[in-house]
Amino acid sequence: MEINKILDKAYEKKSFKEVADAPVSALQGVSEGDAVKLKEAFNVKTVKDLANLKYVRWAQAITTLAEYD
């Protein structure tokens, strides 16, 4: 995985800990407007919050298990 392809330029040189604690807009393709909507809908403020969101975990589990269906 090339980190510069998934992070906003300002976060490319940051540690993974710093990125995990960064706002979701640190991810390429997630705008400030998207970040506001994620906060309003799911109280997601950071990359870590997004990764730990139960709906994301559910979707990951379902798609993983679907490979064995």
PDB file of N, CA and C in Angstrom:
ATOM      1  N   MET A   1       0.849  -1.173   0.000  1.00  0.00           N
ATOM      2  CA  MET A   1       0.000   0.000   0.000  1.00  0.00           C
ATOM      3  C   MET A   1       0.895   1.237   0.000  1.00  0.00           C
ATOM      4  N   GLU A   2       0.640   2.117  -0.910  1.00  0.00           N
ATOM      5  CA  GLU A   2       1.388   3.367  -0.959  1.00  0.00           C
ATOM      6  C   GLU A   2       0.611   4.421  -0.179  1.00  0.00           C
ATOM      7  N   ILE A   3       1.164   4.811   0.955  1.00  0.00           N
ATOM      8  CA  ILE A   3       0.480   5.715   1.872  1.00  0.00           C
ATOM      9  C   ILE A   3       0.132   7.051   1.203  1.00  0.00           C
ATOM     10  N   ASN A   4       0.974   7.494   0.274  1.00  0.00           N
ATOM     11  CA  ASN A   4       0.700   8.777  -0.384  1.00  0.00           C
ATOM     12  C   ASN A   4      -0.506   8.711  -1.308  1.00  0.00           C
ATOM     13  N   LYS A   5      -1.002   7.497  -1.581  1.00  0.00           N
ATOM     14  CA  LYS A   5      -2.196   7.359  -2.421  1.00  0.00           C
ATOM     15  C   LYS A   5      -3.480   7.336  -1.603  1.00  0.00           C
ATOM     16  N   ILE A   6      -3.348   7.231  -0.287  1.00  0.00           N
ATOM     17  CA  ILE A   6      -4.558   7.163   0.532  1.00  0.00           C
ATOM     18  C   ILE A   6      -4.686   8.316   1.519  1.00  0.00           C
ATOM     19  N   LEU A   7      -3.634   9.126   1.640  1.00  0.00           N
ATOM     20  CA  LEU A   7      -3.677  10.239   2.587  1.00  0.00           C
ATOM     21  C   LEU A   7      -3.583  11.579   1.882  1.00  0.00           C
ATOM     22  N   ASP A   8      -4.196  12.569   2.482  1.00  0.00           N
ATOM     23  CA  ASP A   8      -4.026  13.946   2.060  1.00  0.00           C
ATOM     24  C   ASP A   8      -2.545  14.288   2.191  1.00  0.00           C
ATOM     25  N   LYS A   9      -2.050  15.090   1.302  1.00  0.00           N
ATOM     26  CA  LYS A   9      -0.618  15.427   1.265  1.00  0.00           C
ATOM     27  C   LYS A   9      -0.085  15.871   2.626  1.00  0.00           C
ATOM     28  N   ALA A  10      -0.855  16.612   3.384  1.00  0.00           N
ATOM     29  CA  ALA A  10      -0.409  17.132   4.683  1.00  0.00           C
ATOM     30  C   ALA A  10      -0.140  16.027   5.701  1.00  0.00           C
ATOM     31  N   TYR A  11      -0.627  14.818   5.455  1.00  0.00           N
ATOM     32  CA  TYR A  11      -0.487  13.716   6.416  1.00  0.00           C
ATOM     33  C   TYR A  11       0.458  12.613   5.942  1.00  0.00           C
ATOM     34  N   GLU A  12       1.012  12.749   4.763  1.00  0.00           N
ATOM     35  CA  GLU A  12       1.861  11.694   4.192  1.00  0.00           C
ATOM     36  C   GLU A  12       3.096  11.379   5.025  1.00  0.00           C
ATOM     37  N   LYS A  13       3.641  12.332   5.719  1.00  0.00           N
ATOM     38  CA  LYS A  13       4.874  12.138   6.497  1.00  0.00           C
ATOM     39  C   LYS A  13       4.591  11.891   7.980  1.00  0.00           C
ATOM     40  N   LYS A  14       3.332  11.819   8.354  1.00  0.00           N
ATOM     41  CA  LYS A  14       2.960  11.622   9.756  1.00  0.00           C
ATOM     42  C   LYS A  14       3.075  10.142  10.131  1.00  0.00           C
ATOM     43  N   SER A  15       3.197   9.889  11.432  1.00  0.00           N
ATOM     44  CA  SER A  15       3.221   8.509  11.919  1.00  0.00           C
ATOM     45  C   SER A  15       1.808   7.932  11.829  1.00  0.00           C
ATOM     46  N   PHE A  16       1.714   6.601  11.900  1.00  0.00           N
ATOM     47  CA  PHE A  16       0.391   5.977  11.868  1.00  0.00           C
ATOM     48  C   PHE A  16      -0.447   6.420  13.064  1.00  0.00           C
ATOM     49  N   LYS A  17       0.177   6.617  14.200  1.00  0.00           N
ATOM     50  CA  LYS A  17      -0.533   7.101  15.398  1.00  0.00           C
ATOM     51  C   LYS A  17      -1.123   8.482  15.125  1.00  0.00           C
ATOM     52  N   GLU A  18      -0.334   9.360  14.531  1.00  0.00           N
ATOM     53  CA  GLU A  18      -0.812  10.705  14.210  1.00  0.00           C
ATOM     54  C   GLU A  18      -1.956  10.650  13.201  1.00  0.00           C
ATOM     55  N   VAL A  19      -1.843   9.767  12.213  1.00  0.00           N
ATOM     56  CA  VAL A  19      -2.900   9.648  11.208  1.00  0.00           C
ATOM     57  C   VAL A  19      -4.164   9.076  11.841  1.00  0.00           C
ATOM     58  N   ALA A  20      -4.029   8.094  12.717  1.00  0.00           N
ATOM     59  CA  ALA A  20      -5.199   7.515  13.390  1.00  0.00           C
ATOM     60  C   ALA A  20      -5.953   8.574  14.181  1.00  0.00           C
ATOM     61  N   ASP A  21      -5.236   9.512  14.753  1.00  0.00           N
ATOM     62  CA  ASP A  21      -5.852  10.576  15.551  1.00  0.00           C
ATOM     63  C   ASP A  21      -6.246  11.794  14.726  1.00  0.00           C
ATOM     64  N   ALA A  22      -5.943  11.753  13.435  1.00  0.00           N
ATOM     65  CA  ALA A  22      -6.235  12.881  12.541  1.00  0.00           C
ATOM     66  C   ALA A  22      -7.714  12.883  12.148  1.00  0.00           C
ATOM     67  N   PRO A  23      -8.206  14.043  11.699  1.00  0.00           N
ATOM     68  CA  PRO A  23      -9.585  14.089  11.209  1.00  0.00           C
ATOM     69  C   PRO A  23      -9.750  13.184   9.984  1.00  0.00           C
ATOM     70  N   VAL A  24     -10.967  12.695   9.772  1.00  0.00           N
ATOM     71  CA  VAL A  24     -11.204  11.797   8.638  1.00  0.00           C
ATOM     72  C   VAL A  24     -10.858  12.442   7.302  1.00  0.00           C
ATOM     73  N   SER A  25     -10.849  13.748   7.247  1.00  0.00           N
ATOM     74  CA  SER A  25     -10.479  14.441   6.006  1.00  0.00           C
ATOM     75  C   SER A  25      -9.005  14.247   5.666  1.00  0.00           C
ATOM     76  N   ALA A  26      -8.227  13.605   6.547  1.00  0.00           N
ATOM     77  CA  ALA A  26      -6.841  13.264   6.235  1.00  0.00           C
ATOM     78  C   ALA A  26      -6.781  12.174   5.173  1.00  0.00           C
ATOM     79  N   LEU A  27      -7.883  11.455   4.982  1.00  0.00           N
ATOM     80  CA  LEU A  27      -7.953  10.417   3.960  1.00  0.00           C
ATOM     81  C   LEU A  27      -8.297  11.051   2.609  1.00  0.00           C
ATOM     82  N   GLN A  28      -7.560  10.664   1.581  1.00  0.00           N
ATOM     83  CA  GLN A  28      -7.855  11.201   0.250  1.00  0.00           C
ATOM     84  C   GLN A  28      -9.275  10.836  -0.126  1.00  0.00           C
ATOM     85  N   GLY A  29      -9.990  11.795  -0.665  1.00  0.00           N
ATOM     86  CA  GLY A  29     -11.356  11.558  -1.114  1.00  0.00           C
ATOM     87  C   GLY A  29     -12.410  11.874  -0.073  1.00  0.00           C
ATOM     88  N   VAL A  30     -11.988  12.147   1.155  1.00  0.00           N
ATOM     89  CA  VAL A  30     -12.940  12.541   2.204  1.00  0.00           C
ATOM     90  C   VAL A  30     -12.804  14.055   2.383  1.00  0.00           C
ATOM     91  N   SER A  31     -13.820  14.767   1.968  1.00  0.00           N
ATOM     92  CA  SER A  31     -13.785  16.228   2.033  1.00  0.00           C
ATOM     93  C   SER A  31     -14.171  16.717   3.425  1.00  0.00           C
ATOM     94  N   GLU A  32     -13.988  17.993   3.654  1.00  0.00           N
ATOM     95  CA  GLU A  32     -14.427  18.597   4.914  1.00  0.00           C
ATOM     96  C   GLU A  32     -15.938  18.426   5.073  1.00  0.00           C
ATOM     97  N   GLY A  33     -16.661  18.556   3.970  1.00  0.00           N
ATOM     98  CA  GLY A  33     -18.116  18.358   3.993  1.00  0.00           C
ATOM     99  C   GLY A  33     -18.486  16.928   4.365  1.00  0.00           C
ATOM    100  N   ASP A  34     -17.739  15.978   3.814  1.00  0.00           N
ATOM    101  CA  ASP A  34     -17.958  14.574   4.174  1.00  0.00           C
ATOM    102  C   ASP A  34     -17.685  14.367   5.658  1.00  0.00           C
ATOM    103  N   ALA A  35     -16.626  14.993   6.159  1.00  0.00           N
ATOM    104  CA  ALA A  35     -16.260  14.869   7.575  1.00  0.00           C
ATOM    105  C   ALA A  35     -17.382  15.390   8.467  1.00  0.00           C
ATOM    106  N   VAL A  36     -17.995  16.492   8.068  1.00  0.00           N
ATOM    107  CA  VAL A  36     -19.114  17.050   8.838  1.00  0.00           C
ATOM    108  C   VAL A  36     -20.277  16.067   8.857  1.00  0.00           C
ATOM    109  N   LYS A  37     -20.569  15.483   7.704  1.00  0.00           N
ATOM    110  CA  LYS A  37     -21.678  14.522   7.628  1.00  0.00           C
ATOM    111  C   LYS A  37     -21.406  13.277   8.467  1.00  0.00           C
ATOM    112  N   LEU A  38     -20.163  12.784   8.448  1.00  0.00           N
ATOM    113  CA  LEU A  38     -19.810  11.616   9.270  1.00  0.00           C
ATOM    114  C   LEU A  38     -19.950  11.931  10.758  1.00  0.00           C
ATOM    115  N   LYS A  39     -19.571  13.160  11.131  1.00  0.00           N
ATOM    116  CA  LYS A  39     -19.701  13.554  12.535  1.00  0.00           C
ATOM    117  C   LYS A  39     -21.163  13.644  12.928  1.00  0.00           C
ATOM    118  N   GLU A  40     -21.967  14.257  12.079  1.00  0.00           N
ATOM    119  CA  GLU A  40     -23.396  14.407  12.373  1.00  0.00           C
ATOM    120  C   GLU A  40     -24.111  13.055  12.436  1.00  0.00           C
ATOM    121  N   ALA A  41     -23.790  12.174  11.516  1.00  0.00           N
ATOM    122  CA  ALA A  41     -24.497  10.899  11.420  1.00  0.00           C
ATOM    123  C   ALA A  41     -24.012   9.864  12.428  1.00  0.00           C
ATOM    124  N   PHE A  42     -22.692   9.815  12.655  1.00  0.00           N
ATOM    125  CA  PHE A  42     -22.127   8.722  13.444  1.00  0.00           C
ATOM    126  C   PHE A  42     -21.170   9.170  14.549  1.00  0.00           C
ATOM    127  N   ASN A  43     -21.033  10.479  14.729  1.00  0.00           N
ATOM    128  CA  ASN A  43     -20.088  11.035  15.702  1.00  0.00           C
ATOM    129  C   ASN A  43     -18.648  10.598  15.407  1.00  0.00           C
ATOM    130  N   VAL A  44     -18.335  10.443  14.130  1.00  0.00           N
ATOM    131  CA  VAL A  44     -16.989  10.084  13.690  1.00  0.00           C
ATOM    132  C   VAL A  44     -16.201  11.368  13.482  1.00  0.00           C
ATOM    133  N   LYS A  45     -15.094  11.481  14.212  1.00  0.00           N
ATOM    134  CA  LYS A  45     -14.255  12.677  14.098  1.00  0.00           C
ATOM    135  C   LYS A  45     -12.859  12.357  13.559  1.00  0.00           C
ATOM    136  N   THR A  46     -12.371  11.168  13.861  1.00  0.00           N
ATOM    137  CA  THR A  46     -10.994  10.812  13.488  1.00  0.00           C
ATOM    138  C   THR A  46     -10.969   9.565  12.600  1.00  0.00           C
ATOM    139  N   VAL A  47      -9.805   9.322  12.026  1.00  0.00           N
ATOM    140  CA  VAL A  47      -9.610   8.110  11.232  1.00  0.00           C
ATOM    141  C   VAL A  47      -9.867   6.885  12.124  1.00  0.00           C
ATOM    142  N   LYS A  48      -9.413   6.939  13.361  1.00  0.00           N
ATOM    143  CA  LYS A  48      -9.626   5.837  14.302  1.00  0.00           C
ATOM    144  C   LYS A  48     -11.109   5.625  14.566  1.00  0.00           C
ATOM    145  N   ASP A  49     -11.862   6.710  14.745  1.00  0.00           N
ATOM    146  CA  ASP A  49     -13.314   6.592  14.944  1.00  0.00           C
ATOM    147  C   ASP A  49     -13.964   5.880  13.762  1.00  0.00           C
ATOM    148  N   LEU A  50     -13.548   6.254  12.554  1.00  0.00           N
ATOM    149  CA  LEU A  50     -14.113   5.637  11.357  1.00  0.00           C
ATOM    150  C   LEU A  50     -13.786   4.148  11.313  1.00  0.00           C
ATOM    151  N   ALA A  51     -12.547   3.795  11.605  1.00  0.00           N
ATOM    152  CA  ALA A  51     -12.132   2.390  11.579  1.00  0.00           C
ATOM    153  C   ALA A  51     -12.874   1.563  12.622  1.00  0.00           C
ATOM    154  N   ASN A  52     -13.207   2.177  13.738  1.00  0.00           N
ATOM    155  CA  ASN A  52     -13.880   1.463  14.820  1.00  0.00           C
ATOM    156  C   ASN A  52     -15.402   1.544  14.759  1.00  0.00           C
ATOM    157  N   LEU A  53     -15.937   2.228  13.768  1.00  0.00           N
ATOM    158  CA  LEU A  53     -17.383   2.366  13.622  1.00  0.00           C
ATOM    159  C   LEU A  53     -18.005   0.982  13.424  1.00  0.00           C
ATOM    160  N   LYS A  54     -18.984   0.662  14.221  1.00  0.00           N
ATOM    161  CA  LYS A  54     -19.547  -0.692  14.179  1.00  0.00           C
ATOM    162  C   LYS A  54     -20.069  -1.067  12.794  1.00  0.00           C
ATOM    163  N   TYR A  55     -20.592  -0.120  12.057  1.00  0.00           N
ATOM    164  CA  TYR A  55     -21.109  -0.416  10.727  1.00  0.00           C
ATOM    165  C   TYR A  55     -19.980  -0.786   9.768  1.00  0.00           C
ATOM    166  N   VAL A  56     -18.844  -0.145   9.916  1.00  0.00           N
ATOM    167  CA  VAL A  56     -17.674  -0.480   9.104  1.00  0.00           C
ATOM    168  C   VAL A  56     -17.203  -1.882   9.454  1.00  0.00           C
ATOM    169  N   ARG A  57     -17.134  -2.180  10.745  1.00  0.00           N
ATOM    170  CA  ARG A  57     -16.698  -3.519  11.172  1.00  0.00           C
ATOM    171  C   ARG A  57     -17.676  -4.592  10.698  1.00  0.00           C
ATOM    172  N   TRP A  58     -18.962  -4.312  10.783  1.00  0.00           N
ATOM    173  CA  TRP A  58     -19.959  -5.265  10.301  1.00  0.00           C
ATOM    174  C   TRP A  58     -19.768  -5.527   8.809  1.00  0.00           C
ATOM    175  N   ALA A  59     -19.615  -4.457   8.042  1.00  0.00           N
ATOM    176  CA  ALA A  59     -19.445  -4.587   6.583  1.00  0.00           C
ATOM    177  C   ALA A  59     -18.170  -5.372   6.257  1.00  0.00           C
ATOM    178  N   GLN A  60     -17.098  -5.130   6.997  1.00  0.00           N
ATOM    179  CA  GLN A  60     -15.857  -5.873   6.770  1.00  0.00           C
ATOM    180  C   GLN A  60     -16.053  -7.356   7.078  1.00  0.00           C
ATOM    181  N   ALA A  61     -16.726  -7.656   8.166  1.00  0.00           N
ATOM    182  CA  ALA A  61     -16.967  -9.052   8.539  1.00  0.00           C
ATOM    183  C   ALA A  61     -17.826  -9.757   7.492  1.00  0.00           C
ATOM    184  N   ILE A  62     -18.878  -9.089   7.043  1.00  0.00           N
ATOM    185  CA  ILE A  62     -19.778  -9.679   6.045  1.00  0.00           C
ATOM    186  C   ILE A  62     -19.029  -9.974   4.753  1.00  0.00           C
ATOM    187  N   THR A  63     -18.227  -9.018   4.291  1.00  0.00           N
ATOM    188  CA  THR A  63     -17.521  -9.229   3.014  1.00  0.00           C
ATOM    189  C   THR A  63     -16.434 -10.284   3.147  1.00  0.00           C
ATOM    190  N   THR A  64     -15.816 -10.373   4.315  1.00  0.00           N
ATOM    191  CA  THR A  64     -14.834 -11.429   4.548  1.00  0.00           C
ATOM    192  C   THR A  64     -15.501 -12.797   4.538  1.00  0.00           C
ATOM    193  N   LEU A  65     -16.609 -12.918   5.244  1.00  0.00           N
ATOM    194  CA  LEU A  65     -17.337 -14.190   5.301  1.00  0.00           C
ATOM    195  C   LEU A  65     -17.962 -14.561   3.959  1.00  0.00           C
ATOM    196  N   ALA A  66     -18.332 -13.574   3.176  1.00  0.00           N
ATOM    197  CA  ALA A  66     -18.924 -13.830   1.866  1.00  0.00           C
ATOM    198  C   ALA A  66     -17.955 -14.571   0.948  1.00  0.00           C
ATOM    199  N   GLU A  67     -16.676 -14.377   1.158  1.00  0.00           N
ATOM    200  CA  GLU A  67     -15.678 -15.075   0.342  1.00  0.00           C
ATOM    201  C   GLU A  67     -15.718 -16.581   0.578  1.00  0.00           C
ATOM    202  N   TYR A  68     -16.265 -17.014   1.707  1.00  0.00           N
ATOM    203  CA  TYR A  68     -16.303 -18.429   2.060  1.00  0.00           C
ATOM    204  C   TYR A  68     -17.691 -19.035   1.901  1.00  0.00           C
ATOM    205  N   ASP A  69     -18.627 -18.251   1.399  1.00  0.00           N
ATOM    206  CA  ASP A  69     -20.008 -18.704   1.210  1.00  0.00           C
ATOM    207  C   ASP A  69     -20.113 -19.695   0.079  1.00  0.00           C
TER     208      ASP A  69
END
